[in-house]
Amino acid sequence: MSRIQGKILFERNEYIGQLRQRLLQFPEEERKVKMGIEFAKLVRRYIEGRSFFEKDQWLDAYNHVLHALHHLARLSIIEHGFYPEVTVWNQVKQIEPQIYKLYAELVGSEEPLDKRLQLLFLASDFFIHSKLKQGVSHLIHVLEKREASWSMADLLNEKELEVYGVDLEILLEFLVVKHLISVKKIATKGQGVFHRHYVVEKK
């Protein structure tokens, strides 16, 4: 919190004062947790929506993409230090208008649905990549608290990770694909049977 301490001597439009107050009201650690939750939901909706799209189940894909955009919008708002409001699209239109444009394109375009979805998946790829570091900051921080690898049971029983709920497992596998987390196979008493453990990749 030391980064926002100090006295503002002069400012023309009170922006710094408002920003400082906003950050004081929405502490960094709380923001990281909430960003993690929204990012996990975004990833799950994106992956499931893409699966429906590849099976030509476009209405189901549309539903998932719409939810994914909603989580992306909330993530952006939190990232900028605000609490998401009910009028989330009005908020994000001011904060990150590119995300609002994607929403408007999805719900308002006259393009065929499959073409709209194709565009949205491409754009979602970009936004997920650009927000990856911030979005998983909390999860990675928790995983790095111990040297040993984590079993799924360990992760599900970890109090700090309870907030991720059903989205945790999909997020972990997504991070394995992104090479942020590695999988270790731990031998069991059964021949050829292994437990799947997770550990943060060392850079």
N, C-alpha and C. Protein backbone atom coordinates (compact mmCIF):
# COMPACT_ATOMS: atom_id res chain seq x y z
N MET A 1 0.81 -1.21 0.00
CA MET A 1 0.00 0.00 0.00
C MET A 1 0.85 1.26 0.00
N SER A 2 2.15 1.13 0.21
CA SER A 2 3.01 2.30 0.31
C SER A 2 3.03 3.11 -0.97
N ARG A 3 2.70 2.48 -2.09
CA ARG A 3 2.75 3.18 -3.36
C ARG A 3 1.69 4.26 -3.47
N ILE A 4 0.66 4.22 -2.63
CA ILE A 4 -0.39 5.23 -2.75
C ILE A 4 -0.42 6.15 -1.53
N GLN A 5 0.65 6.12 -0.72
CA GLN A 5 0.76 7.05 0.39
C GLN A 5 1.34 8.37 -0.11
N GLY A 6 1.10 9.44 0.64
CA GLY A 6 1.68 10.73 0.27
C GLY A 6 0.62 11.80 0.15
N LYS A 7 1.07 13.02 -0.08
CA LYS A 7 0.18 14.17 -0.16
C LYS A 7 0.17 14.73 -1.57
N ILE A 8 -1.00 14.99 -2.09
CA ILE A 8 -1.13 15.58 -3.42
C ILE A 8 -1.07 17.09 -3.27
N LEU A 9 -0.05 17.72 -3.85
CA LEU A 9 0.14 19.16 -3.70
C LEU A 9 -0.77 19.95 -4.64
N PHE A 10 -0.87 19.48 -5.88
CA PHE A 10 -1.71 20.20 -6.84
C PHE A 10 -2.10 19.28 -7.98
N GLU A 11 -3.34 19.34 -8.39
CA GLU A 11 -3.77 18.66 -9.61
C GLU A 11 -4.99 19.39 -10.15
N ARG A 12 -5.04 19.46 -11.46
CA ARG A 12 -6.06 20.30 -12.09
C ARG A 12 -7.45 19.67 -12.04
N ASN A 13 -7.53 18.35 -12.28
CA ASN A 13 -8.86 17.74 -12.43
C ASN A 13 -9.19 16.68 -11.36
N GLU A 14 -8.38 16.61 -10.31
CA GLU A 14 -8.62 15.71 -9.18
C GLU A 14 -8.53 14.23 -9.55
N TYR A 15 -7.95 13.91 -10.70
CA TYR A 15 -7.88 12.51 -11.13
C TYR A 15 -7.05 11.68 -10.16
N ILE A 16 -5.88 12.19 -9.78
CA ILE A 16 -4.99 11.42 -8.89
C ILE A 16 -5.66 11.17 -7.55
N GLY A 17 -6.32 12.19 -7.04
CA GLY A 17 -7.02 12.03 -5.77
C GLY A 17 -8.10 10.98 -5.83
N GLN A 18 -8.85 10.98 -6.92
CA GLN A 18 -9.91 9.99 -7.09
C GLN A 18 -9.33 8.59 -7.26
N LEU A 19 -8.23 8.50 -8.01
CA LEU A 19 -7.57 7.21 -8.21
C LEU A 19 -7.05 6.66 -6.89
N ARG A 20 -6.43 7.52 -6.11
CA ARG A 20 -5.89 7.10 -4.82
C ARG A 20 -7.00 6.59 -3.91
N GLN A 21 -8.10 7.33 -3.86
CA GLN A 21 -9.22 6.93 -3.02
C GLN A 21 -9.80 5.60 -3.47
N ARG A 22 -9.87 5.42 -4.78
CA ARG A 22 -10.41 4.19 -5.35
C ARG A 22 -9.55 2.99 -4.95
N LEU A 23 -8.24 3.17 -5.03
CA LEU A 23 -7.33 2.08 -4.70
C LEU A 23 -7.35 1.76 -3.21
N LEU A 24 -7.53 2.81 -2.40
CA LEU A 24 -7.63 2.59 -0.96
C LEU A 24 -8.89 1.80 -0.62
N GLN A 25 -9.96 2.06 -1.36
CA GLN A 25 -11.23 1.39 -1.10
C GLN A 25 -11.25 -0.03 -1.67
N PHE A 26 -10.40 -0.31 -2.64
CA PHE A 26 -10.37 -1.62 -3.30
C PHE A 26 -8.93 -2.12 -3.29
N PRO A 27 -8.47 -2.66 -2.16
CA PRO A 27 -7.06 -3.03 -1.99
C PRO A 27 -6.57 -4.01 -3.06
N GLU A 28 -5.28 -3.96 -3.29
CA GLU A 28 -4.67 -4.76 -4.36
C GLU A 28 -4.92 -6.25 -4.19
N GLU A 29 -4.77 -6.76 -2.99
CA GLU A 29 -4.95 -8.20 -2.78
C GLU A 29 -6.38 -8.64 -3.08
N GLU A 30 -7.32 -7.83 -2.68
CA GLU A 30 -8.72 -8.15 -2.97
C GLU A 30 -8.97 -8.13 -4.48
N ARG A 31 -8.37 -7.17 -5.16
CA ARG A 31 -8.52 -7.09 -6.62
C ARG A 31 -7.95 -8.33 -7.28
N LYS A 32 -6.79 -8.79 -6.81
CA LYS A 32 -6.17 -9.98 -7.40
C LYS A 32 -7.07 -11.20 -7.28
N VAL A 33 -7.68 -11.36 -6.12
CA VAL A 33 -8.58 -12.50 -5.92
C VAL A 33 -9.77 -12.41 -6.86
N LYS A 34 -10.38 -11.24 -6.93
CA LYS A 34 -11.57 -11.06 -7.77
C LYS A 34 -11.22 -11.19 -9.25
N MET A 35 -10.04 -10.72 -9.64
CA MET A 35 -9.61 -10.89 -11.03
C MET A 35 -9.40 -12.37 -11.33
N GLY A 36 -8.85 -13.10 -10.37
CA GLY A 36 -8.66 -14.54 -10.55
C GLY A 36 -9.97 -15.27 -10.76
N ILE A 37 -10.96 -14.91 -9.97
CA ILE A 37 -12.28 -15.54 -10.09
C ILE A 37 -12.88 -15.28 -11.47
N GLU A 38 -12.84 -14.02 -11.90
CA GLU A 38 -13.42 -13.67 -13.20
C GLU A 38 -12.63 -14.30 -14.35
N PHE A 39 -11.31 -14.35 -14.21
CA PHE A 39 -10.50 -14.95 -15.27
C PHE A 39 -10.80 -16.45 -15.39
N ALA A 40 -10.94 -17.12 -14.26
CA ALA A 40 -11.26 -18.55 -14.28
C ALA A 40 -12.60 -18.80 -14.95
N LYS A 41 -13.59 -17.98 -14.65
CA LYS A 41 -14.90 -18.12 -15.28
C LYS A 41 -14.83 -17.82 -16.78
N LEU A 42 -14.04 -16.81 -17.12
CA LEU A 42 -13.84 -16.47 -18.53
C LEU A 42 -13.24 -17.65 -19.29
N VAL A 43 -12.21 -18.25 -18.75
CA VAL A 43 -11.54 -19.37 -19.41
C VAL A 43 -12.49 -20.55 -19.58
N ARG A 44 -13.25 -20.87 -18.53
CA ARG A 44 -14.17 -22.00 -18.63
C ARG A 44 -15.23 -21.76 -19.71
N ARG A 45 -15.82 -20.58 -19.71
CA ARG A 45 -16.84 -20.27 -20.71
C ARG A 45 -16.25 -20.28 -22.13
N TYR A 46 -15.04 -19.77 -22.25
CA TYR A 46 -14.37 -19.74 -23.55
C TYR A 46 -14.13 -21.16 -24.06
N ILE A 47 -13.57 -22.01 -23.22
CA ILE A 47 -13.24 -23.38 -23.62
C ILE A 47 -14.50 -24.17 -23.96
N GLU A 48 -15.51 -24.06 -23.11
CA GLU A 48 -16.75 -24.80 -23.36
C GLU A 48 -17.46 -24.26 -24.60
N GLY A 49 -17.44 -22.94 -24.76
CA GLY A 49 -18.06 -22.33 -25.94
C GLY A 49 -17.38 -22.76 -27.22
N ARG A 50 -16.07 -22.82 -27.18
CA ARG A 50 -15.31 -23.24 -28.37
C ARG A 50 -15.64 -24.69 -28.72
N SER A 51 -15.80 -25.50 -27.70
CA SER A 51 -16.16 -26.90 -27.93
C SER A 51 -17.51 -27.01 -28.64
N PHE A 52 -18.48 -26.23 -28.19
CA PHE A 52 -19.79 -26.22 -28.84
C PHE A 52 -19.67 -25.72 -30.29
N PHE A 53 -18.86 -24.69 -30.48
CA PHE A 53 -18.69 -24.10 -31.82
C PHE A 53 -18.12 -25.13 -32.79
N GLU A 54 -17.14 -25.88 -32.33
CA GLU A 54 -16.50 -26.89 -33.19
C GLU A 54 -17.44 -28.03 -33.53
N LYS A 55 -18.52 -28.18 -32.74
CA LYS A 55 -19.53 -29.20 -33.02
C LYS A 55 -20.73 -28.61 -33.77
N ASP A 56 -20.58 -27.35 -34.23
CA ASP A 56 -21.64 -26.63 -34.95
C ASP A 56 -22.89 -26.41 -34.10
N GLN A 57 -22.73 -26.41 -32.79
CA GLN A 57 -23.84 -26.11 -31.89
C GLN A 57 -23.76 -24.62 -31.55
N TRP A 58 -24.19 -23.81 -32.49
CA TRP A 58 -23.91 -22.38 -32.45
C TRP A 58 -24.68 -21.64 -31.36
N LEU A 59 -25.90 -22.04 -31.08
CA LEU A 59 -26.66 -21.34 -30.04
C LEU A 59 -26.04 -21.57 -28.66
N ASP A 60 -25.60 -22.79 -28.41
CA ASP A 60 -24.92 -23.06 -27.14
C ASP A 60 -23.58 -22.31 -27.09
N ALA A 61 -22.90 -22.27 -28.22
CA ALA A 61 -21.64 -21.52 -28.28
C ALA A 61 -21.89 -20.04 -28.03
N TYR A 62 -22.96 -19.51 -28.61
CA TYR A 62 -23.33 -18.10 -28.42
C TYR A 62 -23.56 -17.81 -26.94
N ASN A 63 -24.29 -18.67 -26.27
CA ASN A 63 -24.58 -18.48 -24.85
C ASN A 63 -23.30 -18.41 -24.03
N HIS A 64 -22.37 -19.30 -24.33
CA HIS A 64 -21.10 -19.33 -23.58
C HIS A 64 -20.23 -18.12 -23.90
N VAL A 65 -20.21 -17.70 -25.15
CA VAL A 65 -19.41 -16.53 -25.52
C VAL A 65 -19.97 -15.27 -24.86
N LEU A 66 -21.29 -15.18 -24.80
CA LEU A 66 -21.91 -14.02 -24.15
C LEU A 66 -21.51 -13.96 -22.68
N HIS A 67 -21.53 -15.10 -22.01
CA HIS A 67 -21.09 -15.15 -20.61
C HIS A 67 -19.59 -14.84 -20.50
N ALA A 68 -18.81 -15.37 -21.43
CA ALA A 68 -17.37 -15.11 -21.41
C ALA A 68 -17.08 -13.61 -21.52
N LEU A 69 -17.79 -12.94 -22.41
CA LEU A 69 -17.61 -11.49 -22.56
C LEU A 69 -17.99 -10.75 -21.28
N HIS A 70 -19.02 -11.23 -20.63
CA HIS A 70 -19.45 -10.60 -19.37
C HIS A 70 -18.34 -10.71 -18.32
N HIS A 71 -17.72 -11.89 -18.23
CA HIS A 71 -16.63 -12.07 -17.27
C HIS A 71 -15.40 -11.26 -17.69
N LEU A 72 -15.17 -11.15 -18.99
CA LEU A 72 -14.06 -10.33 -19.48
C LEU A 72 -14.28 -8.86 -19.11
N ALA A 73 -15.51 -8.40 -19.26
CA ALA A 73 -15.84 -7.02 -18.90
C ALA A 73 -15.63 -6.78 -17.41
N ARG A 74 -16.11 -7.69 -16.58
CA ARG A 74 -15.94 -7.56 -15.13
C ARG A 74 -14.45 -7.58 -14.76
N LEU A 75 -13.70 -8.46 -15.42
CA LEU A 75 -12.26 -8.53 -15.18
C LEU A 75 -11.58 -7.21 -15.49
N SER A 76 -11.94 -6.61 -16.61
CA SER A 76 -11.36 -5.33 -17.00
C SER A 76 -11.69 -4.23 -16.00
N ILE A 77 -12.92 -4.20 -15.55
CA ILE A 77 -13.36 -3.18 -14.59
C ILE A 77 -12.58 -3.32 -13.28
N ILE A 78 -12.46 -4.55 -12.80
CA ILE A 78 -11.72 -4.79 -11.55
C ILE A 78 -10.24 -4.43 -11.73
N GLU A 79 -9.69 -4.80 -12.87
CA GLU A 79 -8.28 -4.50 -13.17
C GLU A 79 -8.01 -3.00 -13.09
N HIS A 80 -8.99 -2.20 -13.46
CA HIS A 80 -8.84 -0.75 -13.43
C HIS A 80 -9.21 -0.14 -12.08
N GLY A 81 -9.49 -0.99 -11.10
CA GLY A 81 -9.69 -0.50 -9.74
C GLY A 81 -11.12 -0.21 -9.34
N PHE A 82 -12.07 -0.60 -10.18
CA PHE A 82 -13.48 -0.36 -9.86
C PHE A 82 -14.17 -1.66 -9.45
N TYR A 83 -15.24 -1.52 -8.70
CA TYR A 83 -16.12 -2.65 -8.45
C TYR A 83 -17.12 -2.73 -9.61
N PRO A 84 -17.33 -3.91 -10.19
CA PRO A 84 -18.34 -4.02 -11.26
C PRO A 84 -19.73 -3.68 -10.74
N GLU A 85 -20.46 -2.92 -11.53
CA GLU A 85 -21.82 -2.56 -11.18
C GLU A 85 -22.80 -3.40 -11.99
N VAL A 86 -24.08 -3.23 -11.72
CA VAL A 86 -25.10 -3.94 -12.49
C VAL A 86 -25.01 -3.54 -13.96
N THR A 87 -24.74 -2.27 -14.19
CA THR A 87 -24.62 -1.74 -15.56
C THR A 87 -23.19 -1.93 -16.07
N VAL A 88 -22.77 -3.19 -16.12
CA VAL A 88 -21.37 -3.50 -16.42
C VAL A 88 -20.96 -3.02 -17.81
N TRP A 89 -21.88 -3.05 -18.77
CA TRP A 89 -21.50 -2.65 -20.13
C TRP A 89 -21.31 -1.15 -20.24
N ASN A 90 -22.07 -0.38 -19.48
CA ASN A 90 -21.83 1.07 -19.45
C ASN A 90 -20.46 1.37 -18.84
N GLN A 91 -20.11 0.61 -17.81
CA GLN A 91 -18.80 0.80 -17.18
C GLN A 91 -17.66 0.49 -18.15
N VAL A 92 -17.72 -0.69 -18.75
CA VAL A 92 -16.60 -1.13 -19.58
C VAL A 92 -16.51 -0.31 -20.87
N LYS A 93 -17.61 0.26 -21.29
CA LYS A 93 -17.60 1.13 -22.48
C LYS A 93 -16.68 2.33 -22.26
N GLN A 94 -16.62 2.80 -21.01
CA GLN A 94 -15.76 3.93 -20.67
C GLN A 94 -14.33 3.49 -20.40
N ILE A 95 -14.17 2.29 -19.85
CA ILE A 95 -12.87 1.84 -19.37
C ILE A 95 -12.06 1.14 -20.47
N GLU A 96 -12.69 0.22 -21.17
CA GLU A 96 -12.01 -0.54 -22.23
C GLU A 96 -13.00 -0.75 -23.37
N PRO A 97 -13.18 0.27 -24.20
CA PRO A 97 -14.24 0.24 -25.23
C PRO A 97 -14.11 -0.91 -26.23
N GLN A 98 -12.91 -1.47 -26.39
CA GLN A 98 -12.75 -2.59 -27.33
C GLN A 98 -13.60 -3.78 -26.90
N ILE A 99 -13.71 -3.98 -25.59
CA ILE A 99 -14.52 -5.10 -25.08
C ILE A 99 -16.00 -4.84 -25.33
N TYR A 100 -16.40 -3.60 -25.12
CA TYR A 100 -17.80 -3.25 -25.40
C TYR A 100 -18.12 -3.46 -26.88
N LYS A 101 -17.18 -3.13 -27.75
CA LYS A 101 -17.40 -3.29 -29.20
C LYS A 101 -17.60 -4.76 -29.56
N LEU A 102 -16.88 -5.65 -28.87
CA LEU A 102 -17.07 -7.08 -29.11
C LEU A 102 -18.48 -7.51 -28.72
N TYR A 103 -18.93 -7.01 -27.58
CA TYR A 103 -20.29 -7.31 -27.12
C TYR A 103 -21.32 -6.80 -28.13
N ALA A 104 -21.14 -5.56 -28.57
CA ALA A 104 -22.07 -4.97 -29.54
C ALA A 104 -22.07 -5.75 -30.85
N GLU A 105 -20.90 -6.21 -31.25
CA GLU A 105 -20.77 -7.00 -32.48
C GLU A 105 -21.51 -8.33 -32.34
N LEU A 106 -21.37 -8.95 -31.19
CA LEU A 106 -22.00 -10.26 -30.98
C LEU A 106 -23.52 -10.15 -30.98
N VAL A 107 -24.06 -9.17 -30.27
CA VAL A 107 -25.52 -9.11 -30.10
C VAL A 107 -26.22 -8.28 -31.17
N GLY A 108 -25.47 -7.42 -31.87
CA GLY A 108 -26.14 -6.49 -32.78
C GLY A 108 -25.80 -6.62 -34.25
N SER A 109 -24.78 -7.39 -34.58
CA SER A 109 -24.36 -7.50 -35.97
C SER A 109 -25.36 -8.31 -36.80
N GLU A 110 -25.43 -7.99 -38.07
CA GLU A 110 -26.29 -8.74 -38.99
C GLU A 110 -25.53 -9.87 -39.69
N GLU A 111 -24.27 -10.02 -39.33
CA GLU A 111 -23.48 -11.13 -39.88
C GLU A 111 -24.08 -12.46 -39.43
N PRO A 112 -23.91 -13.53 -40.21
CA PRO A 112 -24.38 -14.85 -39.76
C PRO A 112 -23.75 -15.20 -38.41
N LEU A 113 -24.49 -15.95 -37.61
CA LEU A 113 -24.05 -16.24 -36.24
C LEU A 113 -22.69 -16.93 -36.21
N ASP A 114 -22.47 -17.87 -37.12
CA ASP A 114 -21.19 -18.59 -37.09
C ASP A 114 -20.02 -17.65 -37.37
N LYS A 115 -20.23 -16.65 -38.24
CA LYS A 115 -19.17 -15.68 -38.54
C LYS A 115 -18.90 -14.79 -37.33
N ARG A 116 -19.97 -14.39 -36.65
CA ARG A 116 -19.80 -13.57 -35.45
C ARG A 116 -19.04 -14.34 -34.37
N LEU A 117 -19.40 -15.59 -34.20
CA LEU A 117 -18.73 -16.41 -33.19
C LEU A 117 -17.26 -16.61 -33.52
N GLN A 118 -16.99 -16.83 -34.78
CA GLN A 118 -15.59 -17.02 -35.22
C GLN A 118 -14.76 -15.79 -34.87
N LEU A 119 -15.31 -14.61 -35.14
CA LEU A 119 -14.63 -13.36 -34.82
C LEU A 119 -14.43 -13.22 -33.32
N LEU A 120 -15.46 -13.56 -32.55
CA LEU A 120 -15.38 -13.41 -31.10
C LEU A 120 -14.36 -14.35 -30.48
N PHE A 121 -14.25 -15.55 -31.00
CA PHE A 121 -13.25 -16.48 -30.47
C PHE A 121 -11.84 -15.98 -30.74
N LEU A 122 -11.63 -15.43 -31.92
CA LEU A 122 -10.31 -14.87 -32.24
C LEU A 122 -9.98 -13.71 -31.30
N ALA A 123 -10.94 -12.83 -31.10
CA ALA A 123 -10.73 -11.68 -30.21
C ALA A 123 -10.54 -12.14 -28.77
N SER A 124 -11.29 -13.15 -28.36
CA SER A 124 -11.17 -13.66 -26.99
C SER A 124 -9.79 -14.24 -26.75
N ASP A 125 -9.24 -14.91 -27.75
CA ASP A 125 -7.87 -15.42 -27.66
C ASP A 125 -6.91 -14.30 -27.28
N PHE A 126 -7.05 -13.18 -27.97
CA PHE A 126 -6.17 -12.04 -27.74
C PHE A 126 -6.33 -11.50 -26.32
N PHE A 127 -7.57 -11.31 -25.89
CA PHE A 127 -7.81 -10.72 -24.57
C PHE A 127 -7.38 -11.67 -23.45
N ILE A 128 -7.63 -12.95 -23.62
CA ILE A 128 -7.21 -13.92 -22.60
C ILE A 128 -5.69 -13.90 -22.47
N HIS A 129 -5.00 -13.85 -23.60
CA HIS A 129 -3.54 -13.80 -23.57
C HIS A 129 -3.06 -12.51 -22.90
N SER A 130 -3.69 -11.40 -23.23
CA SER A 130 -3.23 -10.11 -22.70
C SER A 130 -3.50 -9.96 -21.21
N LYS A 131 -4.50 -10.67 -20.70
CA LYS A 131 -4.86 -10.55 -19.29
C LYS A 131 -4.44 -11.77 -18.47
N LEU A 132 -3.68 -12.64 -19.09
CA LEU A 132 -3.28 -13.89 -18.44
C LEU A 132 -2.49 -13.65 -17.15
N LYS A 133 -1.46 -12.82 -17.24
CA LYS A 133 -0.58 -12.61 -16.09
C LYS A 133 -1.34 -12.07 -14.89
N GLN A 134 -2.15 -11.04 -15.13
CA GLN A 134 -2.95 -10.46 -14.04
C GLN A 134 -4.01 -11.43 -13.55
N GLY A 135 -4.61 -12.14 -14.50
CA GLY A 135 -5.72 -13.01 -14.16
C GLY A 135 -5.35 -14.20 -13.29
N VAL A 136 -4.10 -14.68 -13.42
CA VAL A 136 -3.70 -15.86 -12.64
C VAL A 136 -2.73 -15.50 -11.52
N SER A 137 -2.52 -14.23 -11.29
CA SER A 137 -1.56 -13.78 -10.28
C SER A 137 -1.86 -14.37 -8.91
N HIS A 138 -3.12 -14.35 -8.51
CA HIS A 138 -3.49 -14.86 -7.19
C HIS A 138 -3.26 -16.36 -7.09
N LEU A 139 -3.70 -17.10 -8.09
CA LEU A 139 -3.54 -18.56 -8.08
C LEU A 139 -2.07 -18.95 -8.02
N ILE A 140 -1.25 -18.33 -8.86
CA ILE A 140 0.18 -18.64 -8.89
C ILE A 140 0.82 -18.31 -7.54
N HIS A 141 0.42 -17.20 -6.96
CA HIS A 141 0.95 -16.80 -5.65
C HIS A 141 0.66 -17.87 -4.59
N VAL A 142 -0.54 -18.41 -4.60
CA VAL A 142 -0.91 -19.44 -3.63
C VAL A 142 -0.10 -20.72 -3.89
N LEU A 143 0.02 -21.11 -5.15
CA LEU A 143 0.74 -22.34 -5.48
C LEU A 143 2.22 -22.25 -5.12
N GLU A 144 2.77 -21.06 -5.18
CA GLU A 144 4.20 -20.89 -4.89
C GLU A 144 4.50 -20.82 -3.39
N LYS A 145 3.49 -20.91 -2.58
CA LYS A 145 3.71 -20.82 -1.14
C LYS A 145 4.38 -22.07 -0.57
N ARG A 146 4.39 -23.12 -1.35
CA ARG A 146 5.09 -24.31 -0.87
C ARG A 146 5.92 -24.92 -1.99
N GLU A 147 6.98 -25.59 -1.60
CA GLU A 147 7.90 -26.18 -2.57
C GLU A 147 7.32 -27.43 -3.23
N ALA A 148 6.58 -28.21 -2.45
CA ALA A 148 6.05 -29.47 -2.95
C ALA A 148 4.96 -29.23 -3.99
N SER A 149 4.73 -30.25 -4.81
CA SER A 149 3.65 -30.17 -5.80
C SER A 149 2.30 -30.34 -5.10
N TRP A 150 1.25 -29.99 -5.82
CA TRP A 150 -0.11 -30.03 -5.28
C TRP A 150 -0.93 -31.12 -5.98
N SER A 151 -1.56 -31.96 -5.20
CA SER A 151 -2.54 -32.88 -5.79
C SER A 151 -3.85 -32.11 -5.96
N MET A 152 -4.77 -32.68 -6.72
CA MET A 152 -6.06 -32.01 -6.88
C MET A 152 -6.79 -31.93 -5.53
N ALA A 153 -6.63 -32.96 -4.72
CA ALA A 153 -7.24 -32.94 -3.39
C ALA A 153 -6.67 -31.80 -2.54
N ASP A 154 -5.34 -31.61 -2.63
CA ASP A 154 -4.70 -30.50 -1.91
C ASP A 154 -5.31 -29.17 -2.34
N LEU A 155 -5.45 -29.01 -3.64
CA LEU A 155 -5.95 -27.75 -4.20
C LEU A 155 -7.39 -27.50 -3.78
N LEU A 156 -8.20 -28.54 -3.83
CA LEU A 156 -9.62 -28.38 -3.49
C LEU A 156 -9.81 -28.12 -2.00
N ASN A 157 -8.84 -28.55 -1.20
CA ASN A 157 -8.93 -28.35 0.25
C ASN A 157 -8.23 -27.07 0.72
N GLU A 158 -7.56 -26.39 -0.20
CA GLU A 158 -6.85 -25.16 0.16
C GLU A 158 -7.86 -24.02 0.32
N LYS A 159 -7.90 -23.45 1.50
CA LYS A 159 -8.91 -22.43 1.82
C LYS A 159 -8.85 -21.24 0.87
N GLU A 160 -7.63 -20.81 0.52
CA GLU A 160 -7.48 -19.63 -0.33
C GLU A 160 -7.99 -19.86 -1.76
N LEU A 161 -8.16 -21.13 -2.13
CA LEU A 161 -8.60 -21.44 -3.50
C LEU A 161 -10.08 -21.81 -3.57
N GLU A 162 -10.75 -21.80 -2.44
CA GLU A 162 -12.18 -22.16 -2.42
C GLU A 162 -13.00 -21.25 -3.33
N VAL A 163 -12.55 -20.02 -3.49
CA VAL A 163 -13.32 -19.04 -4.27
C VAL A 163 -13.45 -19.43 -5.74
N TYR A 164 -12.57 -20.30 -6.23
CA TYR A 164 -12.61 -20.68 -7.64
C TYR A 164 -13.66 -21.75 -7.94
N GLY A 165 -14.06 -22.48 -6.94
CA GLY A 165 -15.12 -23.47 -7.11
C GLY A 165 -14.85 -24.44 -8.25
N VAL A 166 -15.88 -24.65 -9.07
CA VAL A 166 -15.80 -25.64 -10.15
C VAL A 166 -14.89 -25.19 -11.29
N ASP A 167 -14.49 -23.93 -11.28
CA ASP A 167 -13.65 -23.42 -12.38
C ASP A 167 -12.16 -23.75 -12.19
N LEU A 168 -11.78 -24.20 -11.00
CA LEU A 168 -10.37 -24.37 -10.69
C LEU A 168 -9.69 -25.41 -11.58
N GLU A 169 -10.31 -26.55 -11.75
CA GLU A 169 -9.67 -27.63 -12.49
C GLU A 169 -9.44 -27.25 -13.96
N ILE A 170 -10.43 -26.62 -14.57
CA ILE A 170 -10.28 -26.20 -15.97
C ILE A 170 -9.19 -25.14 -16.09
N LEU A 171 -9.14 -24.23 -15.12
CA LEU A 171 -8.10 -23.19 -15.15
C LEU A 171 -6.72 -23.81 -15.03
N LEU A 172 -6.56 -24.79 -14.16
CA LEU A 172 -5.27 -25.46 -14.00
C LEU A 172 -4.82 -26.10 -15.31
N GLU A 173 -5.72 -26.82 -15.95
CA GLU A 173 -5.36 -27.49 -17.21
C GLU A 173 -5.04 -26.46 -18.30
N PHE A 174 -5.73 -25.35 -18.28
CA PHE A 174 -5.45 -24.26 -19.22
C PHE A 174 -4.03 -23.74 -19.00
N LEU A 175 -3.63 -23.61 -17.74
CA LEU A 175 -2.29 -23.10 -17.42
C LEU A 175 -1.21 -24.13 -17.72
N VAL A 176 -1.57 -25.39 -17.71
CA VAL A 176 -0.62 -26.43 -18.14
C VAL A 176 -0.34 -26.26 -19.63
N VAL A 177 -1.38 -26.03 -20.40
CA VAL A 177 -1.23 -25.81 -21.85
C VAL A 177 -0.38 -24.57 -22.11
N LYS A 178 -0.55 -23.55 -21.27
CA LYS A 178 0.18 -22.29 -21.43
C LYS A 178 1.59 -22.35 -20.82
N HIS A 179 1.97 -23.51 -20.29
CA HIS A 179 3.31 -23.73 -19.72
C HIS A 179 3.60 -22.82 -18.52
N LEU A 180 2.56 -22.47 -17.78
CA LEU A 180 2.76 -21.75 -16.53
C LEU A 180 2.76 -22.72 -15.35
N ILE A 181 2.14 -23.87 -15.55
CA ILE A 181 2.09 -24.92 -14.53
C ILE A 181 2.52 -26.23 -15.18
N SER A 182 3.29 -27.02 -14.44
CA SER A 182 3.71 -28.34 -14.92
C SER A 182 2.95 -29.43 -14.18
N VAL A 183 2.83 -30.56 -14.84
CA VAL A 183 2.20 -31.73 -14.23
C VAL A 183 3.28 -32.74 -13.85
N LYS A 184 3.20 -33.22 -12.62
CA LYS A 184 4.09 -34.29 -12.17
C LYS A 184 3.26 -35.55 -11.93
N LYS A 185 3.76 -36.66 -12.42
CA LYS A 185 3.09 -37.93 -12.18
C LYS A 185 3.71 -38.59 -10.95
N ILE A 186 2.90 -38.76 -9.93
CA ILE A 186 3.36 -39.36 -8.67
C ILE A 186 2.85 -40.80 -8.61
N ALA A 187 3.79 -41.73 -8.48
CA ALA A 187 3.44 -43.15 -8.48
C ALA A 187 2.56 -43.51 -7.28
N THR A 188 1.64 -44.42 -7.51
CA THR A 188 0.80 -44.96 -6.44
C THR A 188 1.18 -46.43 -6.23
N LYS A 189 0.49 -47.07 -5.31
CA LYS A 189 0.75 -48.49 -5.06
C LYS A 189 0.31 -49.37 -6.23
N GLY A 190 -0.64 -48.86 -6.99
CA GLY A 190 -1.11 -49.62 -8.15
C GLY A 190 -0.13 -49.53 -9.31
N GLN A 191 0.16 -50.64 -9.93
CA GLN A 191 1.13 -50.66 -11.02
C GLN A 191 0.61 -49.86 -12.21
N GLY A 192 1.42 -48.92 -12.66
CA GLY A 192 1.06 -48.10 -13.81
C GLY A 192 0.01 -47.04 -13.51
N VAL A 193 -0.30 -46.85 -12.24
CA VAL A 193 -1.30 -45.85 -11.84
C VAL A 193 -0.57 -44.68 -11.17
N PHE A 194 -0.88 -43.48 -11.62
CA PHE A 194 -0.20 -42.30 -11.10
C PHE A 194 -1.20 -41.24 -10.66
N HIS A 195 -0.81 -40.49 -9.64
CA HIS A 195 -1.57 -39.30 -9.26
C HIS A 195 -1.04 -38.12 -10.06
N ARG A 196 -1.93 -37.23 -10.41
CA ARG A 196 -1.57 -36.04 -11.18
C ARG A 196 -1.35 -34.88 -10.20
N HIS A 197 -0.13 -34.37 -10.15
CA HIS A 197 0.20 -33.25 -9.26
C HIS A 197 0.60 -32.04 -10.09
N TYR A 198 0.42 -30.86 -9.49
CA TYR A 198 0.69 -29.61 -10.19
C TYR A 198 1.75 -28.79 -9.46
N VAL A 199 2.58 -28.12 -10.25
CA VAL A 199 3.60 -27.25 -9.68
C VAL A 199 3.85 -26.10 -10.65
N VAL A 200 4.14 -24.93 -10.11
CA VAL A 200 4.41 -23.76 -10.96
C VAL A 200 5.73 -23.97 -11.68
N GLU A 201 5.74 -23.71 -12.97
CA GLU A 201 6.97 -23.86 -13.75
C GLU A 201 7.98 -22.80 -13.35
N LYS A 202 9.22 -23.21 -13.22
CA LYS A 202 10.29 -22.28 -12.88
C LYS A 202 10.77 -21.59 -14.15
N LYS A 203 10.90 -20.29 -14.07
CA LYS A 203 11.35 -19.51 -15.22
C LYS A 203 12.87 -19.40 -15.23
